[in-house]
Amino acid sequence: LDSEPTANVTIDVASNDATEGLVTDPALGTLTFPTGDWD
């Protein structure tokens, strides 16, 4: 993130073509940036 959020920020990460490549980490396909560790 470029600036500190006022609440946790969650970003989903997924491949647009699972036949060519998959997101293997993060395992659940979600990044979470808590307010205390946003940077």
ModelCIF file with pLDDT and N, C-alpha, C, O atoms, coordinates in Angstrom:
data_MODEL
#
_entry.id   MODEL 
#
_entity.id                         1 
_entity.type                       polymer 
_entity.pdbx_number_of_molecules   1 
#
_entity_poly.entity_id                      1 
_entity_poly.type                           'polypeptide(L)' 
_entity_poly.nstd_linkage                   no 
_entity_poly.nstd_monomer                   no 
_entity_poly.pdbx_seq_one_letter_code       LDSEPTANVTIDVASNDATEGLVTDPALGTLTFPTGDWD 
_entity_poly.pdbx_seq_one_letter_code_can   LDSEPTANVTIDVASNDATEGLVTDPALGTLTFPTGDWD 
_entity_poly.pdbx_strand_id                 A 
#
loop_
_entity_poly_seq.entity_id 
_entity_poly_seq.num 
_entity_poly_seq.mon_id 
_entity_poly_seq.hetero 
1 1  LEU n 
1 2  ASP n 
1 3  SER n 
1 4  GLU n 
1 5  PRO n 
1 6  THR n 
1 7  ALA n 
1 8  ASN n 
1 9  VAL n 
1 10 THR n 
1 11 ILE n 
1 12 ASP n 
1 13 VAL n 
1 14 ALA n 
1 15 SER n 
1 16 ASN n 
1 17 ASP n 
1 18 ALA n 
1 19 THR n 
1 20 GLU n 
1 21 GLY n 
1 22 LEU n 
1 23 VAL n 
1 24 THR n 
1 25 ASP n 
1 26 PRO n 
1 27 ALA n 
1 28 LEU n 
1 29 GLY n 
1 30 THR n 
1 31 LEU n 
1 32 THR n 
1 33 PHE n 
1 34 PRO n 
1 35 THR n 
1 36 GLY n 
1 37 ASP n 
1 38 TRP n 
1 39 ASP n 
#
_struct_asym.id          A 
_struct_asym.entity_id   1 
#
loop_
_ma_qa_metric.id 
_ma_qa_metric.mode 
_ma_qa_metric.name 
_ma_qa_metric.software_group_id 
_ma_qa_metric.type 
1 global pLDDT . pLDDT 
2 local  pLDDT . pLDDT 
#
_ma_qa_metric_global.metric_id      1 
_ma_qa_metric_global.metric_value   95.31 
_ma_qa_metric_global.model_id       1 
_ma_qa_metric_global.ordinal_id     1 
#
loop_
_ma_qa_metric_local.label_asym_id 
_ma_qa_metric_local.label_comp_id 
_ma_qa_metric_local.label_seq_id 
_ma_qa_metric_local.metric_id 
_ma_qa_metric_local.metric_value 
_ma_qa_metric_local.model_id 
_ma_qa_metric_local.ordinal_id 
A LEU 1  2 98.00 1 1  
A ASP 2  2 97.00 1 2  
A SER 3  2 96.00 1 3  
A GLU 4  2 95.00 1 4  
A PRO 5  2 96.00 1 5  
A THR 6  2 93.00 1 6  
A ALA 7  2 96.00 1 7  
A ASN 8  2 97.00 1 8  
A VAL 9  2 98.00 1 9  
A THR 10 2 97.00 1 10 
A ILE 11 2 98.00 1 11 
A ASP 12 2 97.00 1 12 
A VAL 13 2 97.00 1 13 
A ALA 14 2 96.00 1 14 
A SER 15 2 96.00 1 15 
A ASN 16 2 96.00 1 16 
A ASP 17 2 96.00 1 17 
A ALA 18 2 93.00 1 18 
A THR 19 2 94.00 1 19 
A GLU 20 2 95.00 1 20 
A GLY 21 2 95.00 1 21 
A LEU 22 2 95.00 1 22 
A VAL 23 2 96.00 1 23 
A THR 24 2 94.00 1 24 
A ASP 25 2 94.00 1 25 
A PRO 26 2 94.00 1 26 
A ALA 27 2 89.00 1 27 
A LEU 28 2 92.00 1 28 
A GLY 29 2 94.00 1 29 
A THR 30 2 97.00 1 30 
A LEU 31 2 97.00 1 31 
A THR 32 2 97.00 1 32 
A PHE 33 2 97.00 1 33 
A PRO 34 2 95.00 1 34 
A THR 35 2 92.00 1 35 
A GLY 36 2 91.00 1 36 
A ASP 37 2 95.00 1 37 
A TRP 38 2 96.00 1 38 
A ASP 39 2 96.00 1 39 
#
loop_
_atom_site.group_PDB 
_atom_site.id 
_atom_site.type_symbol 
_atom_site.label_atom_id 
_atom_site.label_alt_id 
_atom_site.label_comp_id 
_atom_site.label_asym_id 
_atom_site.label_entity_id 
_atom_site.label_seq_id 
_atom_site.pdbx_PDB_ins_code 
_atom_site.Cartn_x 
_atom_site.Cartn_y 
_atom_site.Cartn_z 
_atom_site.occupancy 
_atom_site.B_iso_or_equiv 
_atom_site.pdbx_formal_charge 
_atom_site.auth_seq_id 
_atom_site.auth_comp_id 
_atom_site.auth_asym_id 
_atom_site.auth_atom_id 
_atom_site.pdbx_PDB_model_num 
ATOM 1   N N  . LEU A 1 1  ? 0.841  -1.197  0.000   1.00 98.00 ? 1  LEU A N  1 
ATOM 2   C CA . LEU A 1 1  ? 0.000  0.000   0.000   1.00 98.00 ? 1  LEU A CA 1 
ATOM 3   C C  . LEU A 1 1  ? 0.874  1.245   0.000   1.00 98.00 ? 1  LEU A C  1 
ATOM 4   O O  . LEU A 1 1  ? 1.988  1.220   0.522   1.00 98.00 ? 1  LEU A O  1 
ATOM 5   N N  . ASP A 1 2  ? 0.378  2.333   -0.581  1.00 97.00 ? 2  ASP A N  1 
ATOM 6   C CA . ASP A 1 2  ? 1.138  3.582   -0.669  1.00 97.00 ? 2  ASP A CA 1 
ATOM 7   C C  . ASP A 1 2  ? 0.923  4.509   0.516   1.00 97.00 ? 2  ASP A C  1 
ATOM 8   O O  . ASP A 1 2  ? 1.732  5.407   0.752   1.00 97.00 ? 2  ASP A O  1 
ATOM 9   N N  . SER A 1 3  ? -0.157 4.304   1.265   1.00 96.00 ? 3  SER A N  1 
ATOM 10  C CA . SER A 1 3  ? -0.403 5.123   2.452   1.00 96.00 ? 3  SER A CA 1 
ATOM 11  C C  . SER A 1 3  ? -1.104 4.270   3.505   1.00 96.00 ? 3  SER A C  1 
ATOM 12  O O  . SER A 1 3  ? -1.690 3.231   3.201   1.00 96.00 ? 3  SER A O  1 
ATOM 13  N N  . GLU A 1 4  ? -1.030 4.731   4.735   1.00 95.00 ? 4  GLU A N  1 
ATOM 14  C CA . GLU A 1 4  ? -1.613 3.976   5.851   1.00 95.00 ? 4  GLU A CA 1 
ATOM 15  C C  . GLU A 1 4  ? -3.138 3.992   5.764   1.00 95.00 ? 4  GLU A C  1 
ATOM 16  O O  . GLU A 1 4  ? -3.738 5.063   5.670   1.00 95.00 ? 4  GLU A O  1 
ATOM 17  N N  . PRO A 1 5  ? -3.765 2.829   5.795   1.00 96.00 ? 5  PRO A N  1 
ATOM 18  C CA . PRO A 1 5  ? -5.228 2.801   5.776   1.00 96.00 ? 5  PRO A CA 1 
ATOM 19  C C  . PRO A 1 5  ? -5.801 3.046   7.170   1.00 96.00 ? 5  PRO A C  1 
ATOM 20  O O  . PRO A 1 5  ? -5.105 2.885   8.173   1.00 96.00 ? 5  PRO A O  1 
ATOM 21  N N  . THR A 1 6  ? -7.059 3.431   7.222   1.00 93.00 ? 6  THR A N  1 
ATOM 22  C CA . THR A 1 6  ? -7.728 3.615   8.509   1.00 93.00 ? 6  THR A CA 1 
ATOM 23  C C  . THR A 1 6  ? -8.412 2.337   8.961   1.00 93.00 ? 6  THR A C  1 
ATOM 24  O O  . THR A 1 6  ? -8.930 2.277   10.077  1.00 93.00 ? 6  THR A O  1 
ATOM 25  N N  . ALA A 1 7  ? -8.422 1.312   8.113   1.00 96.00 ? 7  ALA A N  1 
ATOM 26  C CA . ALA A 1 7  ? -8.958 -0.017  8.449   1.00 96.00 ? 7  ALA A CA 1 
ATOM 27  C C  . ALA A 1 7  ? -8.158 -1.028  7.627   1.00 96.00 ? 7  ALA A C  1 
ATOM 28  O O  . ALA A 1 7  ? -7.481 -0.658  6.668   1.00 96.00 ? 7  ALA A O  1 
ATOM 29  N N  . ASN A 1 8  ? -8.239 -2.296  8.004   1.00 97.00 ? 8  ASN A N  1 
ATOM 30  C CA . ASN A 1 8  ? -7.538 -3.343  7.263   1.00 97.00 ? 8  ASN A CA 1 
ATOM 31  C C  . ASN A 1 8  ? -7.956 -3.326  5.793   1.00 97.00 ? 8  ASN A C  1 
ATOM 32  O O  . ASN A 1 8  ? -9.110 -3.043  5.471   1.00 97.00 ? 8  ASN A O  1 
ATOM 33  N N  . VAL A 1 9  ? -7.001 -3.634  4.898   1.00 98.00 ? 9  VAL A N  1 
ATOM 34  C CA . VAL A 1 9  ? -7.264 -3.685  3.460   1.00 98.00 ? 9  VAL A CA 1 
ATOM 35  C C  . VAL A 1 9  ? -7.023 -5.114  2.989   1.00 98.00 ? 9  VAL A C  1 
ATOM 36  O O  . VAL A 1 9  ? -5.983 -5.707  3.276   1.00 98.00 ? 9  VAL A O  1 
ATOM 37  N N  . THR A 1 10 ? -7.995 -5.657  2.264   1.00 97.00 ? 10 THR A N  1 
ATOM 38  C CA . THR A 1 10 ? -7.899 -7.013  1.723   1.00 97.00 ? 10 THR A CA 1 
ATOM 39  C C  . THR A 1 10 ? -7.927 -6.934  0.201   1.00 97.00 ? 10 THR A C  1 
ATOM 40  O O  . THR A 1 10 ? -8.772 -6.252  -0.379  1.00 97.00 ? 10 THR A O  1 
ATOM 41  N N  . ILE A 1 11 ? -6.993 -7.639  -0.442  1.00 98.00 ? 11 ILE A N  1 
ATOM 42  C CA . ILE A 1 11 ? -6.909 -7.667  -1.903  1.00 98.00 ? 11 ILE A CA 1 
ATOM 43  C C  . ILE A 1 11 ? -6.937 -9.117  -2.352  1.00 98.00 ? 11 ILE A C  1 
ATOM 44  O O  . ILE A 1 11 ? -6.106 -9.925  -1.937  1.00 98.00 ? 11 ILE A O  1 
ATOM 45  N N  . ASP A 1 12 ? -7.899 -9.436  -3.203  1.00 97.00 ? 12 ASP A N  1 
ATOM 46  C CA . ASP A 1 12 ? -7.968 -10.780 -3.777  1.00 97.00 ? 12 ASP A CA 1 
ATOM 47  C C  . ASP A 1 12 ? -7.000 -10.860 -4.947  1.00 97.00 ? 12 ASP A C  1 
ATOM 48  O O  . ASP A 1 12 ? -6.886 -9.923  -5.737  1.00 97.00 ? 12 ASP A O  1 
ATOM 49  N N  . VAL A 1 13 ? -6.296 -12.003 -5.053  1.00 97.00 ? 13 VAL A N  1 
ATOM 50  C CA . VAL A 1 13 ? -5.326 -12.228 -6.122  1.00 97.00 ? 13 VAL A CA 1 
ATOM 51  C C  . VAL A 1 13 ? -5.681 -13.549 -6.793  1.00 97.00 ? 13 VAL A C  1 
ATOM 52  O O  . VAL A 1 13 ? -5.800 -14.576 -6.125  1.00 97.00 ? 13 VAL A O  1 
ATOM 53  N N  . ALA A 1 14 ? -5.851 -13.522 -8.123  1.00 96.00 ? 14 ALA A N  1 
ATOM 54  C CA . ALA A 1 14 ? -6.208 -14.743 -8.846  1.00 96.00 ? 14 ALA A CA 1 
ATOM 55  C C  . ALA A 1 14 ? -5.700 -14.642 -10.280 1.00 96.00 ? 14 ALA A C  1 
ATOM 56  O O  . ALA A 1 14 ? -5.504 -13.542 -10.797 1.00 96.00 ? 14 ALA A O  1 
ATOM 57  N N  . SER A 1 15 ? -5.490 -15.774 -10.911 1.00 96.00 ? 15 SER A N  1 
ATOM 58  C CA . SER A 1 15 ? -5.102 -15.832 -12.309 1.00 96.00 ? 15 SER A CA 1 
ATOM 59  C C  . SER A 1 15 ? -6.347 -15.637 -13.167 1.00 96.00 ? 15 SER A C  1 
ATOM 60  O O  . SER A 1 15 ? -7.434 -16.098 -12.818 1.00 96.00 ? 15 SER A O  1 
ATOM 61  N N  . ASN A 1 16 ? -6.175 -14.951 -14.292 1.00 96.00 ? 16 ASN A N  1 
ATOM 62  C CA . ASN A 1 16 ? -7.308 -14.826 -15.209 1.00 96.00 ? 16 ASN A CA 1 
ATOM 63  C C  . ASN A 1 16 ? -7.375 -16.011 -16.176 1.00 96.00 ? 16 ASN A C  1 
ATOM 64  O O  . ASN A 1 16 ? -8.295 -16.103 -16.989 1.00 96.00 ? 16 ASN A O  1 
ATOM 65  N N  . ASP A 1 17 ? -6.388 -16.925 -16.084 1.00 96.00 ? 17 ASP A N  1 
ATOM 66  C CA . ASP A 1 17 ? -6.398 -18.121 -16.929 1.00 96.00 ? 17 ASP A CA 1 
ATOM 67  C C  . ASP A 1 17 ? -5.765 -19.269 -16.145 1.00 96.00 ? 17 ASP A C  1 
ATOM 68  O O  . ASP A 1 17 ? -4.554 -19.478 -16.205 1.00 96.00 ? 17 ASP A O  1 
ATOM 69  N N  . ALA A 1 18 ? -6.592 -20.006 -15.413 1.00 93.00 ? 18 ALA A N  1 
ATOM 70  C CA . ALA A 1 18 ? -6.115 -21.092 -14.545 1.00 93.00 ? 18 ALA A CA 1 
ATOM 71  C C  . ALA A 1 18 ? -5.528 -22.253 -15.336 1.00 93.00 ? 18 ALA A C  1 
ATOM 72  O O  . ALA A 1 18 ? -4.862 -23.109 -14.753 1.00 93.00 ? 18 ALA A O  1 
ATOM 73  N N  . THR A 1 19 ? -5.754 -22.309 -16.640 1.00 94.00 ? 19 THR A N  1 
ATOM 74  C CA . THR A 1 19 ? -5.142 -23.384 -17.436 1.00 94.00 ? 19 THR A CA 1 
ATOM 75  C C  . THR A 1 19 ? -3.673 -23.088 -17.735 1.00 94.00 ? 19 THR A C  1 
ATOM 76  O O  . THR A 1 19 ? -2.939 -23.986 -18.150 1.00 94.00 ? 19 THR A O  1 
ATOM 77  N N  . GLU A 1 20 ? -3.233 -21.844 -17.531 1.00 95.00 ? 20 GLU A N  1 
ATOM 78  C CA . GLU A 1 20 ? -1.842 -21.467 -17.804 1.00 95.00 ? 20 GLU A CA 1 
ATOM 79  C C  . GLU A 1 20 ? -1.029 -21.201 -16.535 1.00 95.00 ? 20 GLU A C  1 
ATOM 80  O O  . GLU A 1 20 ? 0.180  -21.429 -16.514 1.00 95.00 ? 20 GLU A O  1 
ATOM 81  N N  . GLY A 1 21 ? -1.683 -20.724 -15.489 1.00 95.00 ? 21 GLY A N  1 
ATOM 82  C CA . GLY A 1 21 ? -0.955 -20.430 -14.263 1.00 95.00 ? 21 GLY A CA 1 
ATOM 83  C C  . GLY A 1 21 ? -1.907 -20.179 -13.111 1.00 95.00 ? 21 GLY A C  1 
ATOM 84  O O  . GLY A 1 21 ? -3.025 -19.699 -13.300 1.00 95.00 ? 21 GLY A O  1 
ATOM 85  N N  . LEU A 1 22 ? -1.438 -20.514 -11.899 1.00 95.00 ? 22 LEU A N  1 
ATOM 86  C CA . LEU A 1 22 ? -2.239 -20.347 -10.689 1.00 95.00 ? 22 LEU A CA 1 
ATOM 87  C C  . LEU A 1 22 ? -1.463 -19.548 -9.649  1.00 95.00 ? 22 LEU A C  1 
ATOM 88  O O  . LEU A 1 22 ? -0.234 -19.591 -9.603  1.00 95.00 ? 22 LEU A O  1 
ATOM 89  N N  . VAL A 1 23 ? -2.189 -18.830 -8.830  1.00 96.00 ? 23 VAL A N  1 
ATOM 90  C CA . VAL A 1 23 ? -1.587 -18.184 -7.675  1.00 96.00 ? 23 VAL A CA 1 
ATOM 91  C C  . VAL A 1 23 ? -1.432 -19.259 -6.614  1.00 96.00 ? 23 VAL A C  1 
ATOM 92  O O  . VAL A 1 23 ? -2.422 -19.824 -6.149  1.00 96.00 ? 23 VAL A O  1 
ATOM 93  N N  . THR A 1 24 ? -0.190 -19.544 -6.228  1.00 94.00 ? 24 THR A N  1 
ATOM 94  C CA . THR A 1 24 ? 0.050  -20.588 -5.227  1.00 94.00 ? 24 THR A CA 1 
ATOM 95  C C  . THR A 1 24 ? 0.335  -20.007 -3.849  1.00 94.00 ? 24 THR A C  1 
ATOM 96  O O  . THR A 1 24 ? 0.207  -20.701 -2.840  1.00 94.00 ? 24 THR A O  1 
ATOM 97  N N  . ASP A 1 25 ? 0.720  -18.743 -3.805  1.00 94.00 ? 25 ASP A N  1 
ATOM 98  C CA . ASP A 1 25 ? 0.952  -18.081 -2.522  1.00 94.00 ? 25 ASP A CA 1 
ATOM 99  C C  . ASP A 1 25 ? 0.591  -16.609 -2.695  1.00 94.00 ? 25 ASP A C  1 
ATOM 100 O O  . ASP A 1 25 ? 1.194  -15.945 -3.538  1.00 94.00 ? 25 ASP A O  1 
ATOM 101 N N  . PRO A 1 26 ? -0.325 -16.087 -1.967  1.00 94.00 ? 26 PRO A N  1 
ATOM 102 C CA . PRO A 1 26 ? -0.927 -16.653 -0.765  1.00 94.00 ? 26 PRO A CA 1 
ATOM 103 C C  . PRO A 1 26 ? -1.885 -17.788 -1.121  1.00 94.00 ? 26 PRO A C  1 
ATOM 104 O O  . PRO A 1 26 ? -2.598 -17.735 -2.123  1.00 94.00 ? 26 PRO A O  1 
ATOM 105 N N  . ALA A 1 27 ? -1.881 -18.809 -0.275  1.00 89.00 ? 27 ALA A N  1 
ATOM 106 C CA . ALA A 1 27 ? -2.617 -20.046 -0.549  1.00 89.00 ? 27 ALA A CA 1 
ATOM 107 C C  . ALA A 1 27 ? -4.108 -19.803 -0.776  1.00 89.00 ? 27 ALA A C  1 
ATOM 108 O O  . ALA A 1 27 ? -4.722 -20.472 -1.607  1.00 89.00 ? 27 ALA A O  1 
ATOM 109 N N  . LEU A 1 28 ? -4.694 -18.856 -0.050  1.00 92.00 ? 28 LEU A N  1 
ATOM 110 C CA . LEU A 1 28 ? -6.129 -18.598 -0.198  1.00 92.00 ? 28 LEU A CA 1 
ATOM 111 C C  . LEU A 1 28 ? -6.411 -17.493 -1.206  1.00 92.00 ? 28 LEU A C  1 
ATOM 112 O O  . LEU A 1 28 ? -7.567 -17.117 -1.404  1.00 92.00 ? 28 LEU A O  1 
ATOM 113 N N  . GLY A 1 29 ? -5.364 -16.964 -1.850  1.00 94.00 ? 29 GLY A N  1 
ATOM 114 C CA . GLY A 1 29 ? -5.559 -15.947 -2.876  1.00 94.00 ? 29 GLY A CA 1 
ATOM 115 C C  . GLY A 1 29 ? -5.950 -14.576 -2.337  1.00 94.00 ? 29 GLY A C  1 
ATOM 116 O O  . GLY A 1 29 ? -6.532 -13.766 -3.058  1.00 94.00 ? 29 GLY A O  1 
ATOM 117 N N  . THR A 1 30 ? -5.633 -14.315 -1.081  1.00 97.00 ? 30 THR A N  1 
ATOM 118 C CA . THR A 1 30 ? -6.005 -13.034 -0.472  1.00 97.00 ? 30 THR A CA 1 
ATOM 119 C C  . THR A 1 30 ? -4.813 -12.440 0.261   1.00 97.00 ? 30 THR A C  1 
ATOM 120 O O  . THR A 1 30 ? -4.156 -13.115 1.053   1.00 97.00 ? 30 THR A O  1 
ATOM 121 N N  . LEU A 1 31 ? -4.544 -11.174 -0.010  1.00 97.00 ? 31 LEU A N  1 
ATOM 122 C CA . LEU A 1 31 ? -3.545 -10.415 0.735   1.00 97.00 ? 31 LEU A CA 1 
ATOM 123 C C  . LEU A 1 31 ? -4.291 -9.526  1.723   1.00 97.00 ? 31 LEU A C  1 
ATOM 124 O O  . LEU A 1 31 ? -5.284 -8.891  1.366   1.00 97.00 ? 31 LEU A O  1 
ATOM 125 N N  . THR A 1 32 ? -3.816 -9.482  2.954   1.00 97.00 ? 32 THR A N  1 
ATOM 126 C CA . THR A 1 32 ? -4.430 -8.611  3.956   1.00 97.00 ? 32 THR A CA 1 
ATOM 127 C C  . THR A 1 32 ? -3.362 -7.689  4.514   1.00 97.00 ? 32 THR A C  1 
ATOM 128 O O  . THR A 1 32 ? -2.316 -8.133  4.989   1.00 97.00 ? 32 THR A O  1 
ATOM 129 N N  . PHE A 1 33 ? -3.648 -6.396  4.443   1.00 97.00 ? 33 PHE A N  1 
ATOM 130 C CA . PHE A 1 33 ? -2.759 -5.372  4.986   1.00 97.00 ? 33 PHE A CA 1 
ATOM 131 C C  . PHE A 1 33 ? -3.424 -4.765  6.212   1.00 97.00 ? 33 PHE A C  1 
ATOM 132 O O  . PHE A 1 33 ? -4.358 -3.973  6.084   1.00 97.00 ? 33 PHE A O  1 
ATOM 133 N N  . PRO A 1 34 ? -2.947 -5.133  7.410   1.00 95.00 ? 34 PRO A N  1 
ATOM 134 C CA . PRO A 1 34 ? -3.517 -4.544  8.619   1.00 95.00 ? 34 PRO A CA 1 
ATOM 135 C C  . PRO A 1 34 ? -3.018 -3.104  8.800   1.00 95.00 ? 34 PRO A C  1 
ATOM 136 O O  . PRO A 1 34 ? -1.967 -2.743  8.270   1.00 95.00 ? 34 PRO A O  1 
ATOM 137 N N  . THR A 1 35 ? -3.753 -2.299  9.531   1.00 92.00 ? 35 THR A N  1 
ATOM 138 C CA . THR A 1 35 ? -3.382 -0.897  9.725   1.00 92.00 ? 35 THR A CA 1 
ATOM 139 C C  . THR A 1 35 ? -1.992 -0.750  10.329  1.00 92.00 ? 35 THR A C  1 
ATOM 140 O O  . THR A 1 35 ? -1.297 0.218   10.023  1.00 92.00 ? 35 THR A O  1 
ATOM 141 N N  . GLY A 1 36 ? -1.577 -1.665  11.160  1.00 91.00 ? 36 GLY A N  1 
ATOM 142 C CA . GLY A 1 36 ? -0.271 -1.554  11.798  1.00 91.00 ? 36 GLY A CA 1 
ATOM 143 C C  . GLY A 1 36 ? 0.884  -2.077  10.963  1.00 91.00 ? 36 GLY A C  1 
ATOM 144 O O  . GLY A 1 36 ? 2.040  -1.890  11.341  1.00 91.00 ? 36 GLY A O  1 
ATOM 145 N N  . ASP A 1 37 ? 0.609  -2.725  9.840   1.00 95.00 ? 37 ASP A N  1 
ATOM 146 C CA . ASP A 1 37 ? 1.666  -3.315  9.022   1.00 95.00 ? 37 ASP A CA 1 
ATOM 147 C C  . ASP A 1 37 ? 1.325  -3.148  7.541   1.00 95.00 ? 37 ASP A C  1 
ATOM 148 O O  . ASP A 1 37 ? 1.442  -4.089  6.755   1.00 95.00 ? 37 ASP A O  1 
ATOM 149 N N  . TRP A 1 38 ? 0.911  -1.966  7.183   1.00 96.00 ? 38 TRP A N  1 
ATOM 150 C CA . TRP A 1 38 ? 0.454  -1.672  5.829   1.00 96.00 ? 38 TRP A CA 1 
ATOM 151 C C  . TRP A 1 38 ? 1.592  -1.465  4.839   1.00 96.00 ? 38 TRP A C  1 
ATOM 152 O O  . TRP A 1 38 ? 1.392  -1.600  3.632   1.00 96.00 ? 38 TRP A O  1 
ATOM 153 N N  . ASP A 1 39 ? 2.793  -1.136  5.335   1.00 96.00 ? 39 ASP A N  1 
ATOM 154 C CA . ASP A 1 39 ? 3.880  -0.760  4.445   1.00 96.00 ? 39 ASP A CA 1 
ATOM 155 C C  . ASP A 1 39 ? 4.920  -1.867  4.230   1.00 96.00 ? 39 ASP A C  1 
ATOM 156 O O  . ASP A 1 39 ? 5.889  -1.670  3.497   1.00 96.00 ? 39 ASP A O  1 
#
